[in-house]
Amino acid sequence: MRPITVMKIVAMVLFTGAFAMAAEDGAALFKKKCAVCHGAQGEGKPAMKAPSLKKTKMEASQISAHVTKGDAASKAPHKKPIPGLTPDAAKAIAEYVKTLQ
């Protein structure tokens, strides 16, 4: 059996930390960009006619495209791209939305 080197341990910690950071980034971005309409837990706000995002049937790639490109058939603000949202940020939000139960 080969001993685990310090470099391997550091690599594992950084790799695991990167996943945690990505999830946190998605949650933080969701809170900043989406929660006002869709609720803190993605439960939706019927008074605003903002749908629940929990258990959405949309794929993460569809969610990402929806917020970065907009959709003329949607109601505001989703008729147009969400301002200041990079593709990486949109992906993080989309991945976070897919975790909502």
PDB file of N, CA and C in Angstrom:
ATOM      1  N   MET A   1       0.826  -1.163   0.000  1.00  0.00           N
ATOM      2  CA  MET A   1       0.000   0.000   0.000  1.00  0.00           C
ATOM      3  C   MET A   1       0.884   1.245   0.000  1.00  0.00           C
ATOM      4  N   ARG A   2       0.558   2.218  -0.851  1.00  0.00           N
ATOM      5  CA  ARG A   2       1.372   3.429  -0.958  1.00  0.00           C
ATOM      6  C   ARG A   2       0.843   4.488   0.004  1.00  0.00           C
ATOM      7  N   PRO A   3       1.755   5.189   0.649  1.00  0.00           N
ATOM      8  CA  PRO A   3       1.305   6.241   1.566  1.00  0.00           C
ATOM      9  C   PRO A   3       0.739   7.429   0.787  1.00  0.00           C
ATOM     10  N   ILE A   4      -0.225   8.092   1.382  1.00  0.00           N
ATOM     11  CA  ILE A   4      -0.807   9.298   0.774  1.00  0.00           C
ATOM     12  C   ILE A   4       0.149  10.449   1.034  1.00  0.00           C
ATOM     13  N   THR A   5       0.506  11.124  -0.009  1.00  0.00           N
ATOM     14  CA  THR A   5       1.432  12.244   0.134  1.00  0.00           C
ATOM     15  C   THR A   5       0.680  13.496   0.544  1.00  0.00           C
ATOM     16  N   VAL A   6       1.405  14.436   1.058  1.00  0.00           N
ATOM     17  CA  VAL A   6       0.819  15.721   1.460  1.00  0.00           C
ATOM     18  C   VAL A   6       0.170  16.393   0.257  1.00  0.00           C
ATOM     19  N   MET A   7       0.792  16.299  -0.895  1.00  0.00           N
ATOM     20  CA  MET A   7       0.243  16.926  -2.099  1.00  0.00           C
ATOM     21  C   MET A   7      -1.108  16.317  -2.462  1.00  0.00           C
ATOM     22  N   LYS A   8      -1.242  15.010  -2.304  1.00  0.00           N
ATOM     23  CA  LYS A   8      -2.517  14.362  -2.602  1.00  0.00           C
ATOM     24  C   LYS A   8      -3.593  14.832  -1.631  1.00  0.00           C
ATOM     25  N   ILE A   9      -3.237  14.974  -0.384  1.00  0.00           N
ATOM     26  CA  ILE A   9      -4.192  15.442   0.621  1.00  0.00           C
ATOM     27  C   ILE A   9      -4.622  16.868   0.300  1.00  0.00           C
ATOM     28  N   VAL A  10      -3.669  17.715  -0.026  1.00  0.00           N
ATOM     29  CA  VAL A  10      -3.978  19.100  -0.381  1.00  0.00           C
ATOM     30  C   VAL A  10      -4.880  19.134  -1.613  1.00  0.00           C
ATOM     31  N   ALA A  11      -4.575  18.328  -2.594  1.00  0.00           N
ATOM     32  CA  ALA A  11      -5.387  18.279  -3.809  1.00  0.00           C
ATOM     33  C   ALA A  11      -6.812  17.839  -3.492  1.00  0.00           C
ATOM     34  N   MET A  12      -6.969  16.842  -2.631  1.00  0.00           N
ATOM     35  CA  MET A  12      -8.307  16.374  -2.264  1.00  0.00           C
ATOM     36  C   MET A  12      -9.089  17.453  -1.531  1.00  0.00           C
ATOM     37  N   VAL A  13      -8.441  18.163  -0.629  1.00  0.00           N
ATOM     38  CA  VAL A  13      -9.109  19.233   0.124  1.00  0.00           C
ATOM     39  C   VAL A  13      -9.529  20.353  -0.819  1.00  0.00           C
ATOM     40  N   LEU A  14      -8.645  20.740  -1.706  1.00  0.00           N
ATOM     41  CA  LEU A  14      -8.982  21.808  -2.656  1.00  0.00           C
ATOM     42  C   LEU A  14     -10.101  21.378  -3.594  1.00  0.00           C
ATOM     43  N   PHE A  15     -10.053  20.150  -4.063  1.00  0.00           N
ATOM     44  CA  PHE A  15     -11.073  19.631  -4.974  1.00  0.00           C
ATOM     45  C   PHE A  15     -12.431  19.594  -4.283  1.00  0.00           C
ATOM     46  N   THR A  16     -12.482  19.092  -3.067  1.00  0.00           N
ATOM     47  CA  THR A  16     -13.723  19.025  -2.302  1.00  0.00           C
ATOM     48  C   THR A  16     -14.220  20.434  -1.991  1.00  0.00           C
ATOM     49  N   GLY A  17     -13.314  21.319  -1.633  1.00  0.00           N
ATOM     50  CA  GLY A  17     -13.680  22.704  -1.347  1.00  0.00           C
ATOM     51  C   GLY A  17     -14.245  23.415  -2.563  1.00  0.00           C
ATOM     52  N   ALA A  18     -13.758  23.085  -3.744  1.00  0.00           N
ATOM     53  CA  ALA A  18     -14.257  23.706  -4.969  1.00  0.00           C
ATOM     54  C   ALA A  18     -15.719  23.346  -5.197  1.00  0.00           C
ATOM     55  N   PHE A  19     -16.093  22.097  -4.905  1.00  0.00           N
ATOM     56  CA  PHE A  19     -17.499  21.698  -5.049  1.00  0.00           C
ATOM     57  C   PHE A  19     -18.369  22.443  -4.053  1.00  0.00           C
ATOM     58  N   ALA A  20     -17.919  22.551  -2.823  1.00  0.00           N
ATOM     59  CA  ALA A  20     -18.691  23.262  -1.804  1.00  0.00           C
ATOM     60  C   ALA A  20     -18.832  24.733  -2.177  1.00  0.00           C
ATOM     61  N   MET A  21     -17.746  25.343  -2.681  1.00  0.00           N
ATOM     62  CA  MET A  21     -17.786  26.739  -3.058  1.00  0.00           C
ATOM     63  C   MET A  21     -18.754  26.967  -4.216  1.00  0.00           C
ATOM     64  N   ALA A  22     -18.768  26.067  -5.194  1.00  0.00           N
ATOM     65  CA  ALA A  22     -19.671  26.202  -6.332  1.00  0.00           C
ATOM     66  C   ALA A  22     -21.120  26.157  -5.868  1.00  0.00           C
ATOM     67  N   ALA A  23     -21.437  25.248  -4.941  1.00  0.00           N
ATOM     68  CA  ALA A  23     -22.800  25.152  -4.423  1.00  0.00           C
ATOM     69  C   ALA A  23     -23.159  26.413  -3.667  1.00  0.00           C
ATOM     70  N   GLU A  24     -22.235  26.927  -2.873  1.00  0.00           N
ATOM     71  CA  GLU A  24     -22.490  28.156  -2.123  1.00  0.00           C
ATOM     72  C   GLU A  24     -22.658  29.330  -3.078  1.00  0.00           C
ATOM     73  N   ASP A  25     -21.860  29.381  -4.105  1.00  0.00           N
ATOM     74  CA  ASP A  25     -21.976  30.466  -5.065  1.00  0.00           C
ATOM     75  C   ASP A  25     -23.352  30.447  -5.726  1.00  0.00           C
ATOM     76  N   GLY A  26     -23.814  29.273  -6.114  1.00  0.00           N
ATOM     77  CA  GLY A  26     -25.131  29.155  -6.733  1.00  0.00           C
ATOM     78  C   GLY A  26     -26.227  29.610  -5.790  1.00  0.00           C
ATOM     79  N   ALA A  27     -26.126  29.211  -4.532  1.00  0.00           N
ATOM     80  CA  ALA A  27     -27.120  29.608  -3.534  1.00  0.00           C
ATOM     81  C   ALA A  27     -27.076  31.115  -3.300  1.00  0.00           C
ATOM     82  N   ALA A  28     -25.873  31.667  -3.189  1.00  0.00           N
ATOM     83  CA  ALA A  28     -25.737  33.106  -2.959  1.00  0.00           C
ATOM     84  C   ALA A  28     -26.240  33.904  -4.160  1.00  0.00           C
ATOM     85  N   LEU A  29     -25.909  33.448  -5.341  1.00  0.00           N
ATOM     86  CA  LEU A  29     -26.383  34.126  -6.550  1.00  0.00           C
ATOM     87  C   LEU A  29     -27.897  34.026  -6.679  1.00  0.00           C
ATOM     88  N   PHE A  30     -28.454  32.866  -6.354  1.00  0.00           N
ATOM     89  CA  PHE A  30     -29.906  32.694  -6.387  1.00  0.00           C
ATOM     90  C   PHE A  30     -30.553  33.698  -5.431  1.00  0.00           C
ATOM     91  N   LYS A  31     -30.007  33.784  -4.231  1.00  0.00           N
ATOM     92  CA  LYS A  31     -30.551  34.711  -3.226  1.00  0.00           C
ATOM     93  C   LYS A  31     -30.510  36.148  -3.744  1.00  0.00           C
ATOM     94  N   LYS A  32     -29.417  36.500  -4.388  1.00  0.00           N
ATOM     95  CA  LYS A  32     -29.230  37.872  -4.869  1.00  0.00           C
ATOM     96  C   LYS A  32     -30.083  38.174  -6.105  1.00  0.00           C
ATOM     97  N   LYS A  33     -30.156  37.229  -7.041  1.00  0.00           N
ATOM     98  CA  LYS A  33     -30.781  37.499  -8.338  1.00  0.00           C
ATOM     99  C   LYS A  33     -32.205  36.961  -8.488  1.00  0.00           C
ATOM    100  N   CYS A  34     -32.577  35.933  -7.737  1.00  0.00           N
ATOM    101  CA  CYS A  34     -33.824  35.214  -8.028  1.00  0.00           C
ATOM    102  C   CYS A  34     -34.837  35.190  -6.883  1.00  0.00           C
ATOM    103  N   ALA A  35     -34.334  35.201  -5.655  1.00  0.00           N
ATOM    104  CA  ALA A  35     -35.209  34.980  -4.495  1.00  0.00           C
ATOM    105  C   ALA A  35     -36.283  36.051  -4.328  1.00  0.00           C
ATOM    106  N   VAL A  36     -36.030  37.257  -4.784  1.00  0.00           N
ATOM    107  CA  VAL A  36     -37.029  38.327  -4.644  1.00  0.00           C
ATOM    108  C   VAL A  36     -38.349  37.894  -5.264  1.00  0.00           C
ATOM    109  N   CYS A  37     -38.294  37.245  -6.402  1.00  0.00           N
ATOM    110  CA  CYS A  37     -39.516  36.801  -7.086  1.00  0.00           C
ATOM    111  C   CYS A  37     -39.873  35.350  -6.780  1.00  0.00           C
ATOM    112  N   HIS A  38     -38.870  34.485  -6.756  1.00  0.00           N
ATOM    113  CA  HIS A  38     -39.129  33.050  -6.648  1.00  0.00           C
ATOM    114  C   HIS A  38     -39.084  32.517  -5.222  1.00  0.00           C
ATOM    115  N   GLY A  39     -38.815  33.375  -4.241  1.00  0.00           N
ATOM    116  CA  GLY A  39     -38.761  32.963  -2.845  1.00  0.00           C
ATOM    117  C   GLY A  39     -37.399  32.447  -2.445  1.00  0.00           C
ATOM    118  N   ALA A  40     -37.109  32.586  -1.164  1.00  0.00           N
ATOM    119  CA  ALA A  40     -35.797  32.205  -0.642  1.00  0.00           C
ATOM    120  C   ALA A  40     -35.469  30.738  -0.868  1.00  0.00           C
ATOM    121  N   GLN A  41     -36.489  29.886  -0.848  1.00  0.00           N
ATOM    122  CA  GLN A  41     -36.282  28.451  -1.052  1.00  0.00           C
ATOM    123  C   GLN A  41     -36.812  27.992  -2.405  1.00  0.00           C
ATOM    124  N   GLY A  42     -37.075  28.952  -3.304  1.00  0.00           N
ATOM    125  CA  GLY A  42     -37.569  28.615  -4.630  1.00  0.00           C
ATOM    126  C   GLY A  42     -39.030  28.205  -4.638  1.00  0.00           C
ATOM    127  N   GLU A  43     -39.753  28.561  -3.571  1.00  0.00           N
ATOM    128  CA  GLU A  43     -41.142  28.136  -3.430  1.00  0.00           C
ATOM    129  C   GLU A  43     -42.120  28.909  -4.307  1.00  0.00           C
ATOM    130  N   GLY A  44     -41.650  29.985  -4.914  1.00  0.00           N
ATOM    131  CA  GLY A  44     -42.509  30.794  -5.767  1.00  0.00           C
ATOM    132  C   GLY A  44     -43.301  31.806  -4.956  1.00  0.00           C
ATOM    133  N   LYS A  45     -43.858  32.773  -5.656  1.00  0.00           N
ATOM    134  CA  LYS A  45     -44.685  33.794  -5.015  1.00  0.00           C
ATOM    135  C   LYS A  45     -45.915  34.017  -5.890  1.00  0.00           C
ATOM    136  N   PRO A  46     -47.017  33.334  -5.547  1.00  0.00           N
ATOM    137  CA  PRO A  46     -48.222  33.429  -6.365  1.00  0.00           C
ATOM    138  C   PRO A  46     -48.720  34.863  -6.571  1.00  0.00           C
ATOM    139  N   ALA A  47     -48.580  35.715  -5.567  1.00  0.00           N
ATOM    140  CA  ALA A  47     -49.040  37.097  -5.701  1.00  0.00           C
ATOM    141  C   ALA A  47     -48.299  37.826  -6.816  1.00  0.00           C
ATOM    142  N   MET A  48     -47.068  37.417  -7.072  1.00  0.00           N
ATOM    143  CA  MET A  48     -46.267  38.021  -8.136  1.00  0.00           C
ATOM    144  C   MET A  48     -46.359  37.209  -9.424  1.00  0.00           C
ATOM    145  N   LYS A  49     -47.099  36.109  -9.356  1.00  0.00           N
ATOM    146  CA  LYS A  49     -47.191  35.159 -10.476  1.00  0.00           C
ATOM    147  C   LYS A  49     -45.828  34.594 -10.846  1.00  0.00           C
ATOM    148  N   ALA A  50     -44.977  34.465  -9.828  1.00  0.00           N
ATOM    149  CA  ALA A  50     -43.646  33.873 -10.005  1.00  0.00           C
ATOM    150  C   ALA A  50     -43.741  32.411  -9.596  1.00  0.00           C
ATOM    151  N   PRO A  51     -43.484  31.496 -10.507  1.00  0.00           N
ATOM    152  CA  PRO A  51     -43.667  30.073 -10.204  1.00  0.00           C
ATOM    153  C   PRO A  51     -42.631  29.512  -9.240  1.00  0.00           C
ATOM    154  N   SER A  52     -43.020  28.422  -8.605  1.00  0.00           N
ATOM    155  CA  SER A  52     -42.090  27.663  -7.786  1.00  0.00           C
ATOM    156  C   SER A  52     -41.035  27.054  -8.712  1.00  0.00           C
ATOM    157  N   LEU A  53     -39.823  27.013  -8.232  1.00  0.00           N
ATOM    158  CA  LEU A  53     -38.746  26.380  -8.992  1.00  0.00           C
ATOM    159  C   LEU A  53     -38.383  25.014  -8.417  1.00  0.00           C
ATOM    160  N   LYS A  54     -39.059  24.637  -7.332  1.00  0.00           N
ATOM    161  CA  LYS A  54     -38.791  23.336  -6.719  1.00  0.00           C
ATOM    162  C   LYS A  54     -39.222  22.233  -7.673  1.00  0.00           C
ATOM    163  N   LYS A  55     -38.370  21.257  -7.806  1.00  0.00           N
ATOM    164  CA  LYS A  55     -38.642  20.091  -8.652  1.00  0.00           C
ATOM    165  C   LYS A  55     -38.989  20.480 -10.094  1.00  0.00           C
ATOM    166  N   THR A  56     -38.379  21.569 -10.580  1.00  0.00           N
ATOM    167  CA  THR A  56     -38.629  21.978 -11.960  1.00  0.00           C
ATOM    168  C   THR A  56     -38.241  20.859 -12.924  1.00  0.00           C
ATOM    169  N   LYS A  57     -38.972  20.762 -13.996  1.00  0.00           N
ATOM    170  CA  LYS A  57     -38.684  19.745 -15.020  1.00  0.00           C
ATOM    171  C   LYS A  57     -37.619  20.240 -16.005  1.00  0.00           C
ATOM    172  N   MET A  58     -37.285  21.526 -15.937  1.00  0.00           N
ATOM    173  CA  MET A  58     -36.254  22.067 -16.824  1.00  0.00           C
ATOM    174  C   MET A  58     -34.891  21.492 -16.445  1.00  0.00           C
ATOM    175  N   GLU A  59     -34.091  21.211 -17.435  1.00  0.00           N
ATOM    176  CA  GLU A  59     -32.710  20.788 -17.213  1.00  0.00           C
ATOM    177  C   GLU A  59     -31.895  22.010 -16.801  1.00  0.00           C
ATOM    178  N   ALA A  60     -30.772  21.783 -16.139  1.00  0.00           N
ATOM    179  CA  ALA A  60     -29.912  22.886 -15.717  1.00  0.00           C
ATOM    180  C   ALA A  60     -29.489  23.735 -16.920  1.00  0.00           C
ATOM    181  N   SER A  61     -29.213  23.095 -18.042  1.00  0.00           N
ATOM    182  CA  SER A  61     -28.793  23.844 -19.232  1.00  0.00           C
ATOM    183  C   SER A  61     -29.930  24.735 -19.747  1.00  0.00           C
ATOM    184  N   GLN A  62     -31.178  24.291 -19.617  1.00  0.00           N
ATOM    185  CA  GLN A  62     -32.319  25.102 -20.037  1.00  0.00           C
ATOM    186  C   GLN A  62     -32.506  26.299 -19.114  1.00  0.00           C
ATOM    187  N   ILE A  63     -32.332  26.072 -17.821  1.00  0.00           N
ATOM    188  CA  ILE A  63     -32.449  27.167 -16.853  1.00  0.00           C
ATOM    189  C   ILE A  63     -31.373  28.202 -17.136  1.00  0.00           C
ATOM    190  N   SER A  64     -30.158  27.730 -17.343  1.00  0.00           N
ATOM    191  CA  SER A  64     -29.039  28.622 -17.620  1.00  0.00           C
ATOM    192  C   SER A  64     -29.300  29.458 -18.870  1.00  0.00           C
ATOM    193  N   ALA A  65     -29.767  28.827 -19.926  1.00  0.00           N
ATOM    194  CA  ALA A  65     -30.071  29.546 -21.164  1.00  0.00           C
ATOM    195  C   ALA A  65     -31.207  30.543 -20.952  1.00  0.00           C
ATOM    196  N   HIS A  66     -32.191  30.148 -20.169  1.00  0.00           N
ATOM    197  CA  HIS A  66     -33.355  31.009 -19.917  1.00  0.00           C
ATOM    198  C   HIS A  66     -32.927  32.321 -19.252  1.00  0.00           C
ATOM    199  N   VAL A  67     -32.009  32.249 -18.285  1.00  0.00           N
ATOM    200  CA  VAL A  67     -31.614  33.462 -17.574  1.00  0.00           C
ATOM    201  C   VAL A  67     -30.527  34.252 -18.296  1.00  0.00           C
ATOM    202  N   THR A  68     -29.764  33.598 -19.178  1.00  0.00           N
ATOM    203  CA  THR A  68     -28.708  34.327 -19.886  1.00  0.00           C
ATOM    204  C   THR A  68     -29.148  34.868 -21.240  1.00  0.00           C
ATOM    205  N   LYS A  69     -30.153  34.245 -21.834  1.00  0.00           N
ATOM    206  CA  LYS A  69     -30.601  34.672 -23.162  1.00  0.00           C
ATOM    207  C   LYS A  69     -31.975  35.321 -23.150  1.00  0.00           C
ATOM    208  N   GLY A  70     -32.785  34.970 -22.162  1.00  0.00           N
ATOM    209  CA  GLY A  70     -34.149  35.463 -22.128  1.00  0.00           C
ATOM    210  C   GLY A  70     -35.038  34.664 -23.066  1.00  0.00           C
ATOM    211  N   ASP A  71     -36.325  34.951 -22.999  1.00  0.00           N
ATOM    212  CA  ASP A  71     -37.305  34.252 -23.822  1.00  0.00           C
ATOM    213  C   ASP A  71     -38.463  35.213 -24.052  1.00  0.00           C
ATOM    214  N   ALA A  72     -38.671  35.598 -25.293  1.00  0.00           N
ATOM    215  CA  ALA A  72     -39.716  36.572 -25.620  1.00  0.00           C
ATOM    216  C   ALA A  72     -41.097  36.114 -25.162  1.00  0.00           C
ATOM    217  N   ALA A  73     -41.309  34.807 -25.027  1.00  0.00           N
ATOM    218  CA  ALA A  73     -42.606  34.288 -24.604  1.00  0.00           C
ATOM    219  C   ALA A  73     -42.802  34.359 -23.083  1.00  0.00           C
ATOM    220  N   SER A  74     -41.741  34.633 -22.346  1.00  0.00           N
ATOM    221  CA  SER A  74     -41.819  34.719 -20.888  1.00  0.00           C
ATOM    222  C   SER A  74     -42.255  36.106 -20.458  1.00  0.00           C
ATOM    223  N   LYS A  75     -42.647  36.194 -19.185  1.00  0.00           N
ATOM    224  CA  LYS A  75     -42.951  37.525 -18.659  1.00  0.00           C
ATOM    225  C   LYS A  75     -41.675  38.125 -18.065  1.00  0.00           C
ATOM    226  N   ALA A  76     -41.688  39.428 -17.875  1.00  0.00           N
ATOM    227  CA  ALA A  76     -40.523  40.110 -17.307  1.00  0.00           C
ATOM    228  C   ALA A  76     -40.215  39.506 -15.939  1.00  0.00           C
ATOM    229  N   PRO A  77     -38.984  39.394 -15.581  1.00  0.00           N
ATOM    230  CA  PRO A  77     -37.783  39.897 -16.237  1.00  0.00           C
ATOM    231  C   PRO A  77     -37.167  38.908 -17.223  1.00  0.00           C
ATOM    232  N   HIS A  78     -37.823  37.793 -17.441  1.00  0.00           N
ATOM    233  CA  HIS A  78     -37.209  36.742 -18.256  1.00  0.00           C
ATOM    234  C   HIS A  78     -37.428  36.891 -19.758  1.00  0.00           C
ATOM    235  N   LYS A  79     -38.008  37.987 -20.173  1.00  0.00           N
ATOM    236  CA  LYS A  79     -38.090  38.262 -21.615  1.00  0.00           C
ATOM    237  C   LYS A  79     -36.694  38.555 -22.161  1.00  0.00           C
ATOM    238  N   LYS A  80     -35.864  39.120 -21.290  1.00  0.00           N
ATOM    239  CA  LYS A  80     -34.503  39.509 -21.659  1.00  0.00           C
ATOM    240  C   LYS A  80     -33.515  38.805 -20.733  1.00  0.00           C
ATOM    241  N   PRO A  81     -32.238  38.802 -21.094  1.00  0.00           N
ATOM    242  CA  PRO A  81     -31.225  38.222 -20.196  1.00  0.00           C
ATOM    243  C   PRO A  81     -31.205  38.955 -18.860  1.00  0.00           C
ATOM    244  N   ILE A  82     -30.879  38.242 -17.792  1.00  0.00           N
ATOM    245  CA  ILE A  82     -30.728  38.867 -16.480  1.00  0.00           C
ATOM    246  C   ILE A  82     -29.428  39.675 -16.519  1.00  0.00           C
ATOM    247  N   PRO A  83     -29.501  40.974 -16.249  1.00  0.00           N
ATOM    248  CA  PRO A  83     -28.305  41.815 -16.334  1.00  0.00           C
ATOM    249  C   PRO A  83     -27.192  41.377 -15.374  1.00  0.00           C
ATOM    250  N   GLY A  84     -25.974  41.435 -15.871  1.00  0.00           N
ATOM    251  CA  GLY A  84     -24.796  41.166 -15.051  1.00  0.00           C
ATOM    252  C   GLY A  84     -24.590  39.702 -14.704  1.00  0.00           C
ATOM    253  N   LEU A  85     -25.248  38.801 -15.416  1.00  0.00           N
ATOM    254  CA  LEU A  85     -25.131  37.380 -15.123  1.00  0.00           C
ATOM    255  C   LEU A  85     -24.214  36.719 -16.150  1.00  0.00           C
ATOM    256  N   THR A  86     -23.073  36.244 -15.689  1.00  0.00           N
ATOM    257  CA  THR A  86     -22.135  35.560 -16.576  1.00  0.00           C
ATOM    258  C   THR A  86     -22.627  34.137 -16.838  1.00  0.00           C
ATOM    259  N   PRO A  87     -22.133  33.496 -17.878  1.00  0.00           N
ATOM    260  CA  PRO A  87     -22.505  32.095 -18.112  1.00  0.00           C
ATOM    261  C   PRO A  87     -22.166  31.185 -16.929  1.00  0.00           C
ATOM    262  N   ASP A  88     -21.025  31.424 -16.286  1.00  0.00           N
ATOM    263  CA  ASP A  88     -20.658  30.602 -15.124  1.00  0.00           C
ATOM    264  C   ASP A  88     -21.616  30.830 -13.960  1.00  0.00           C
ATOM    265  N   ALA A  89     -22.013  32.077 -13.742  1.00  0.00           N
ATOM    266  CA  ALA A  89     -22.960  32.382 -12.671  1.00  0.00           C
ATOM    267  C   ALA A  89     -24.320  31.755 -12.975  1.00  0.00           C
ATOM    268  N   ALA A  90     -24.747  31.831 -14.221  1.00  0.00           N
ATOM    269  CA  ALA A  90     -26.024  31.229 -14.620  1.00  0.00           C
ATOM    270  C   ALA A  90     -25.990  29.719 -14.403  1.00  0.00           C
ATOM    271  N   LYS A  91     -24.880  29.103 -14.718  1.00  0.00           N
ATOM    272  CA  LYS A  91     -24.744  27.655 -14.515  1.00  0.00           C
ATOM    273  C   LYS A  91     -24.808  27.322 -13.028  1.00  0.00           C
ATOM    274  N   ALA A  92     -24.151  28.123 -12.199  1.00  0.00           N
ATOM    275  CA  ALA A  92     -24.178  27.887 -10.752  1.00  0.00           C
ATOM    276  C   ALA A  92     -25.599  28.023 -10.211  1.00  0.00           C
ATOM    277  N   ILE A  93     -26.323  29.038 -10.672  1.00  0.00           N
ATOM    278  CA  ILE A  93     -27.714  29.208 -10.248  1.00  0.00           C
ATOM    279  C   ILE A  93     -28.547  28.016 -10.699  1.00  0.00           C
ATOM    280  N   ALA A  94     -28.393  27.624 -11.948  1.00  0.00           N
ATOM    281  CA  ALA A  94     -29.172  26.513 -12.494  1.00  0.00           C
ATOM    282  C   ALA A  94     -28.909  25.222 -11.722  1.00  0.00           C
ATOM    283  N   GLU A  95     -27.664  24.971 -11.408  1.00  0.00           N
ATOM    284  CA  GLU A  95     -27.336  23.776 -10.646  1.00  0.00           C
ATOM    285  C   GLU A  95     -27.929  23.837  -9.241  1.00  0.00           C
ATOM    286  N   TYR A  96     -27.928  25.028  -8.655  1.00  0.00           N
ATOM    287  CA  TYR A  96     -28.549  25.194  -7.340  1.00  0.00           C
ATOM    288  C   TYR A  96     -30.061  24.963  -7.428  1.00  0.00           C
ATOM    289  N   VAL A  97     -30.707  25.521  -8.430  1.00  0.00           N
ATOM    290  CA  VAL A  97     -32.146  25.339  -8.595  1.00  0.00           C
ATOM    291  C   VAL A  97     -32.492  23.859  -8.681  1.00  0.00           C
ATOM    292  N   LYS A  98     -31.660  23.087  -9.351  1.00  0.00           N
ATOM    293  CA  LYS A  98     -31.932  21.650  -9.482  1.00  0.00           C
ATOM    294  C   LYS A  98     -31.839  20.912  -8.148  1.00  0.00           C
ATOM    295  N   THR A  99     -31.237  21.530  -7.123  1.00  0.00           N
ATOM    296  CA  THR A  99     -31.167  20.893  -5.803  1.00  0.00           C
ATOM    297  C   THR A  99     -32.391  21.206  -4.948  1.00  0.00           C
ATOM    298  N   LEU A 100     -33.197  22.161  -5.373  1.00  0.00           N
ATOM    299  CA  LEU A 100     -34.351  22.569  -4.562  1.00  0.00           C
ATOM    300  C   LEU A 100     -35.382  21.448  -4.512  1.00  0.00           C
ATOM    301  N   GLN A 101     -35.812  21.139  -3.335  1.00  0.00           N
ATOM    302  CA  GLN A 101     -36.815  20.096  -3.137  1.00  0.00           C
ATOM    303  C   GLN A 101     -38.024  20.716  -2.537  1.00  0.00           C
TER     304      GLN A 101
END
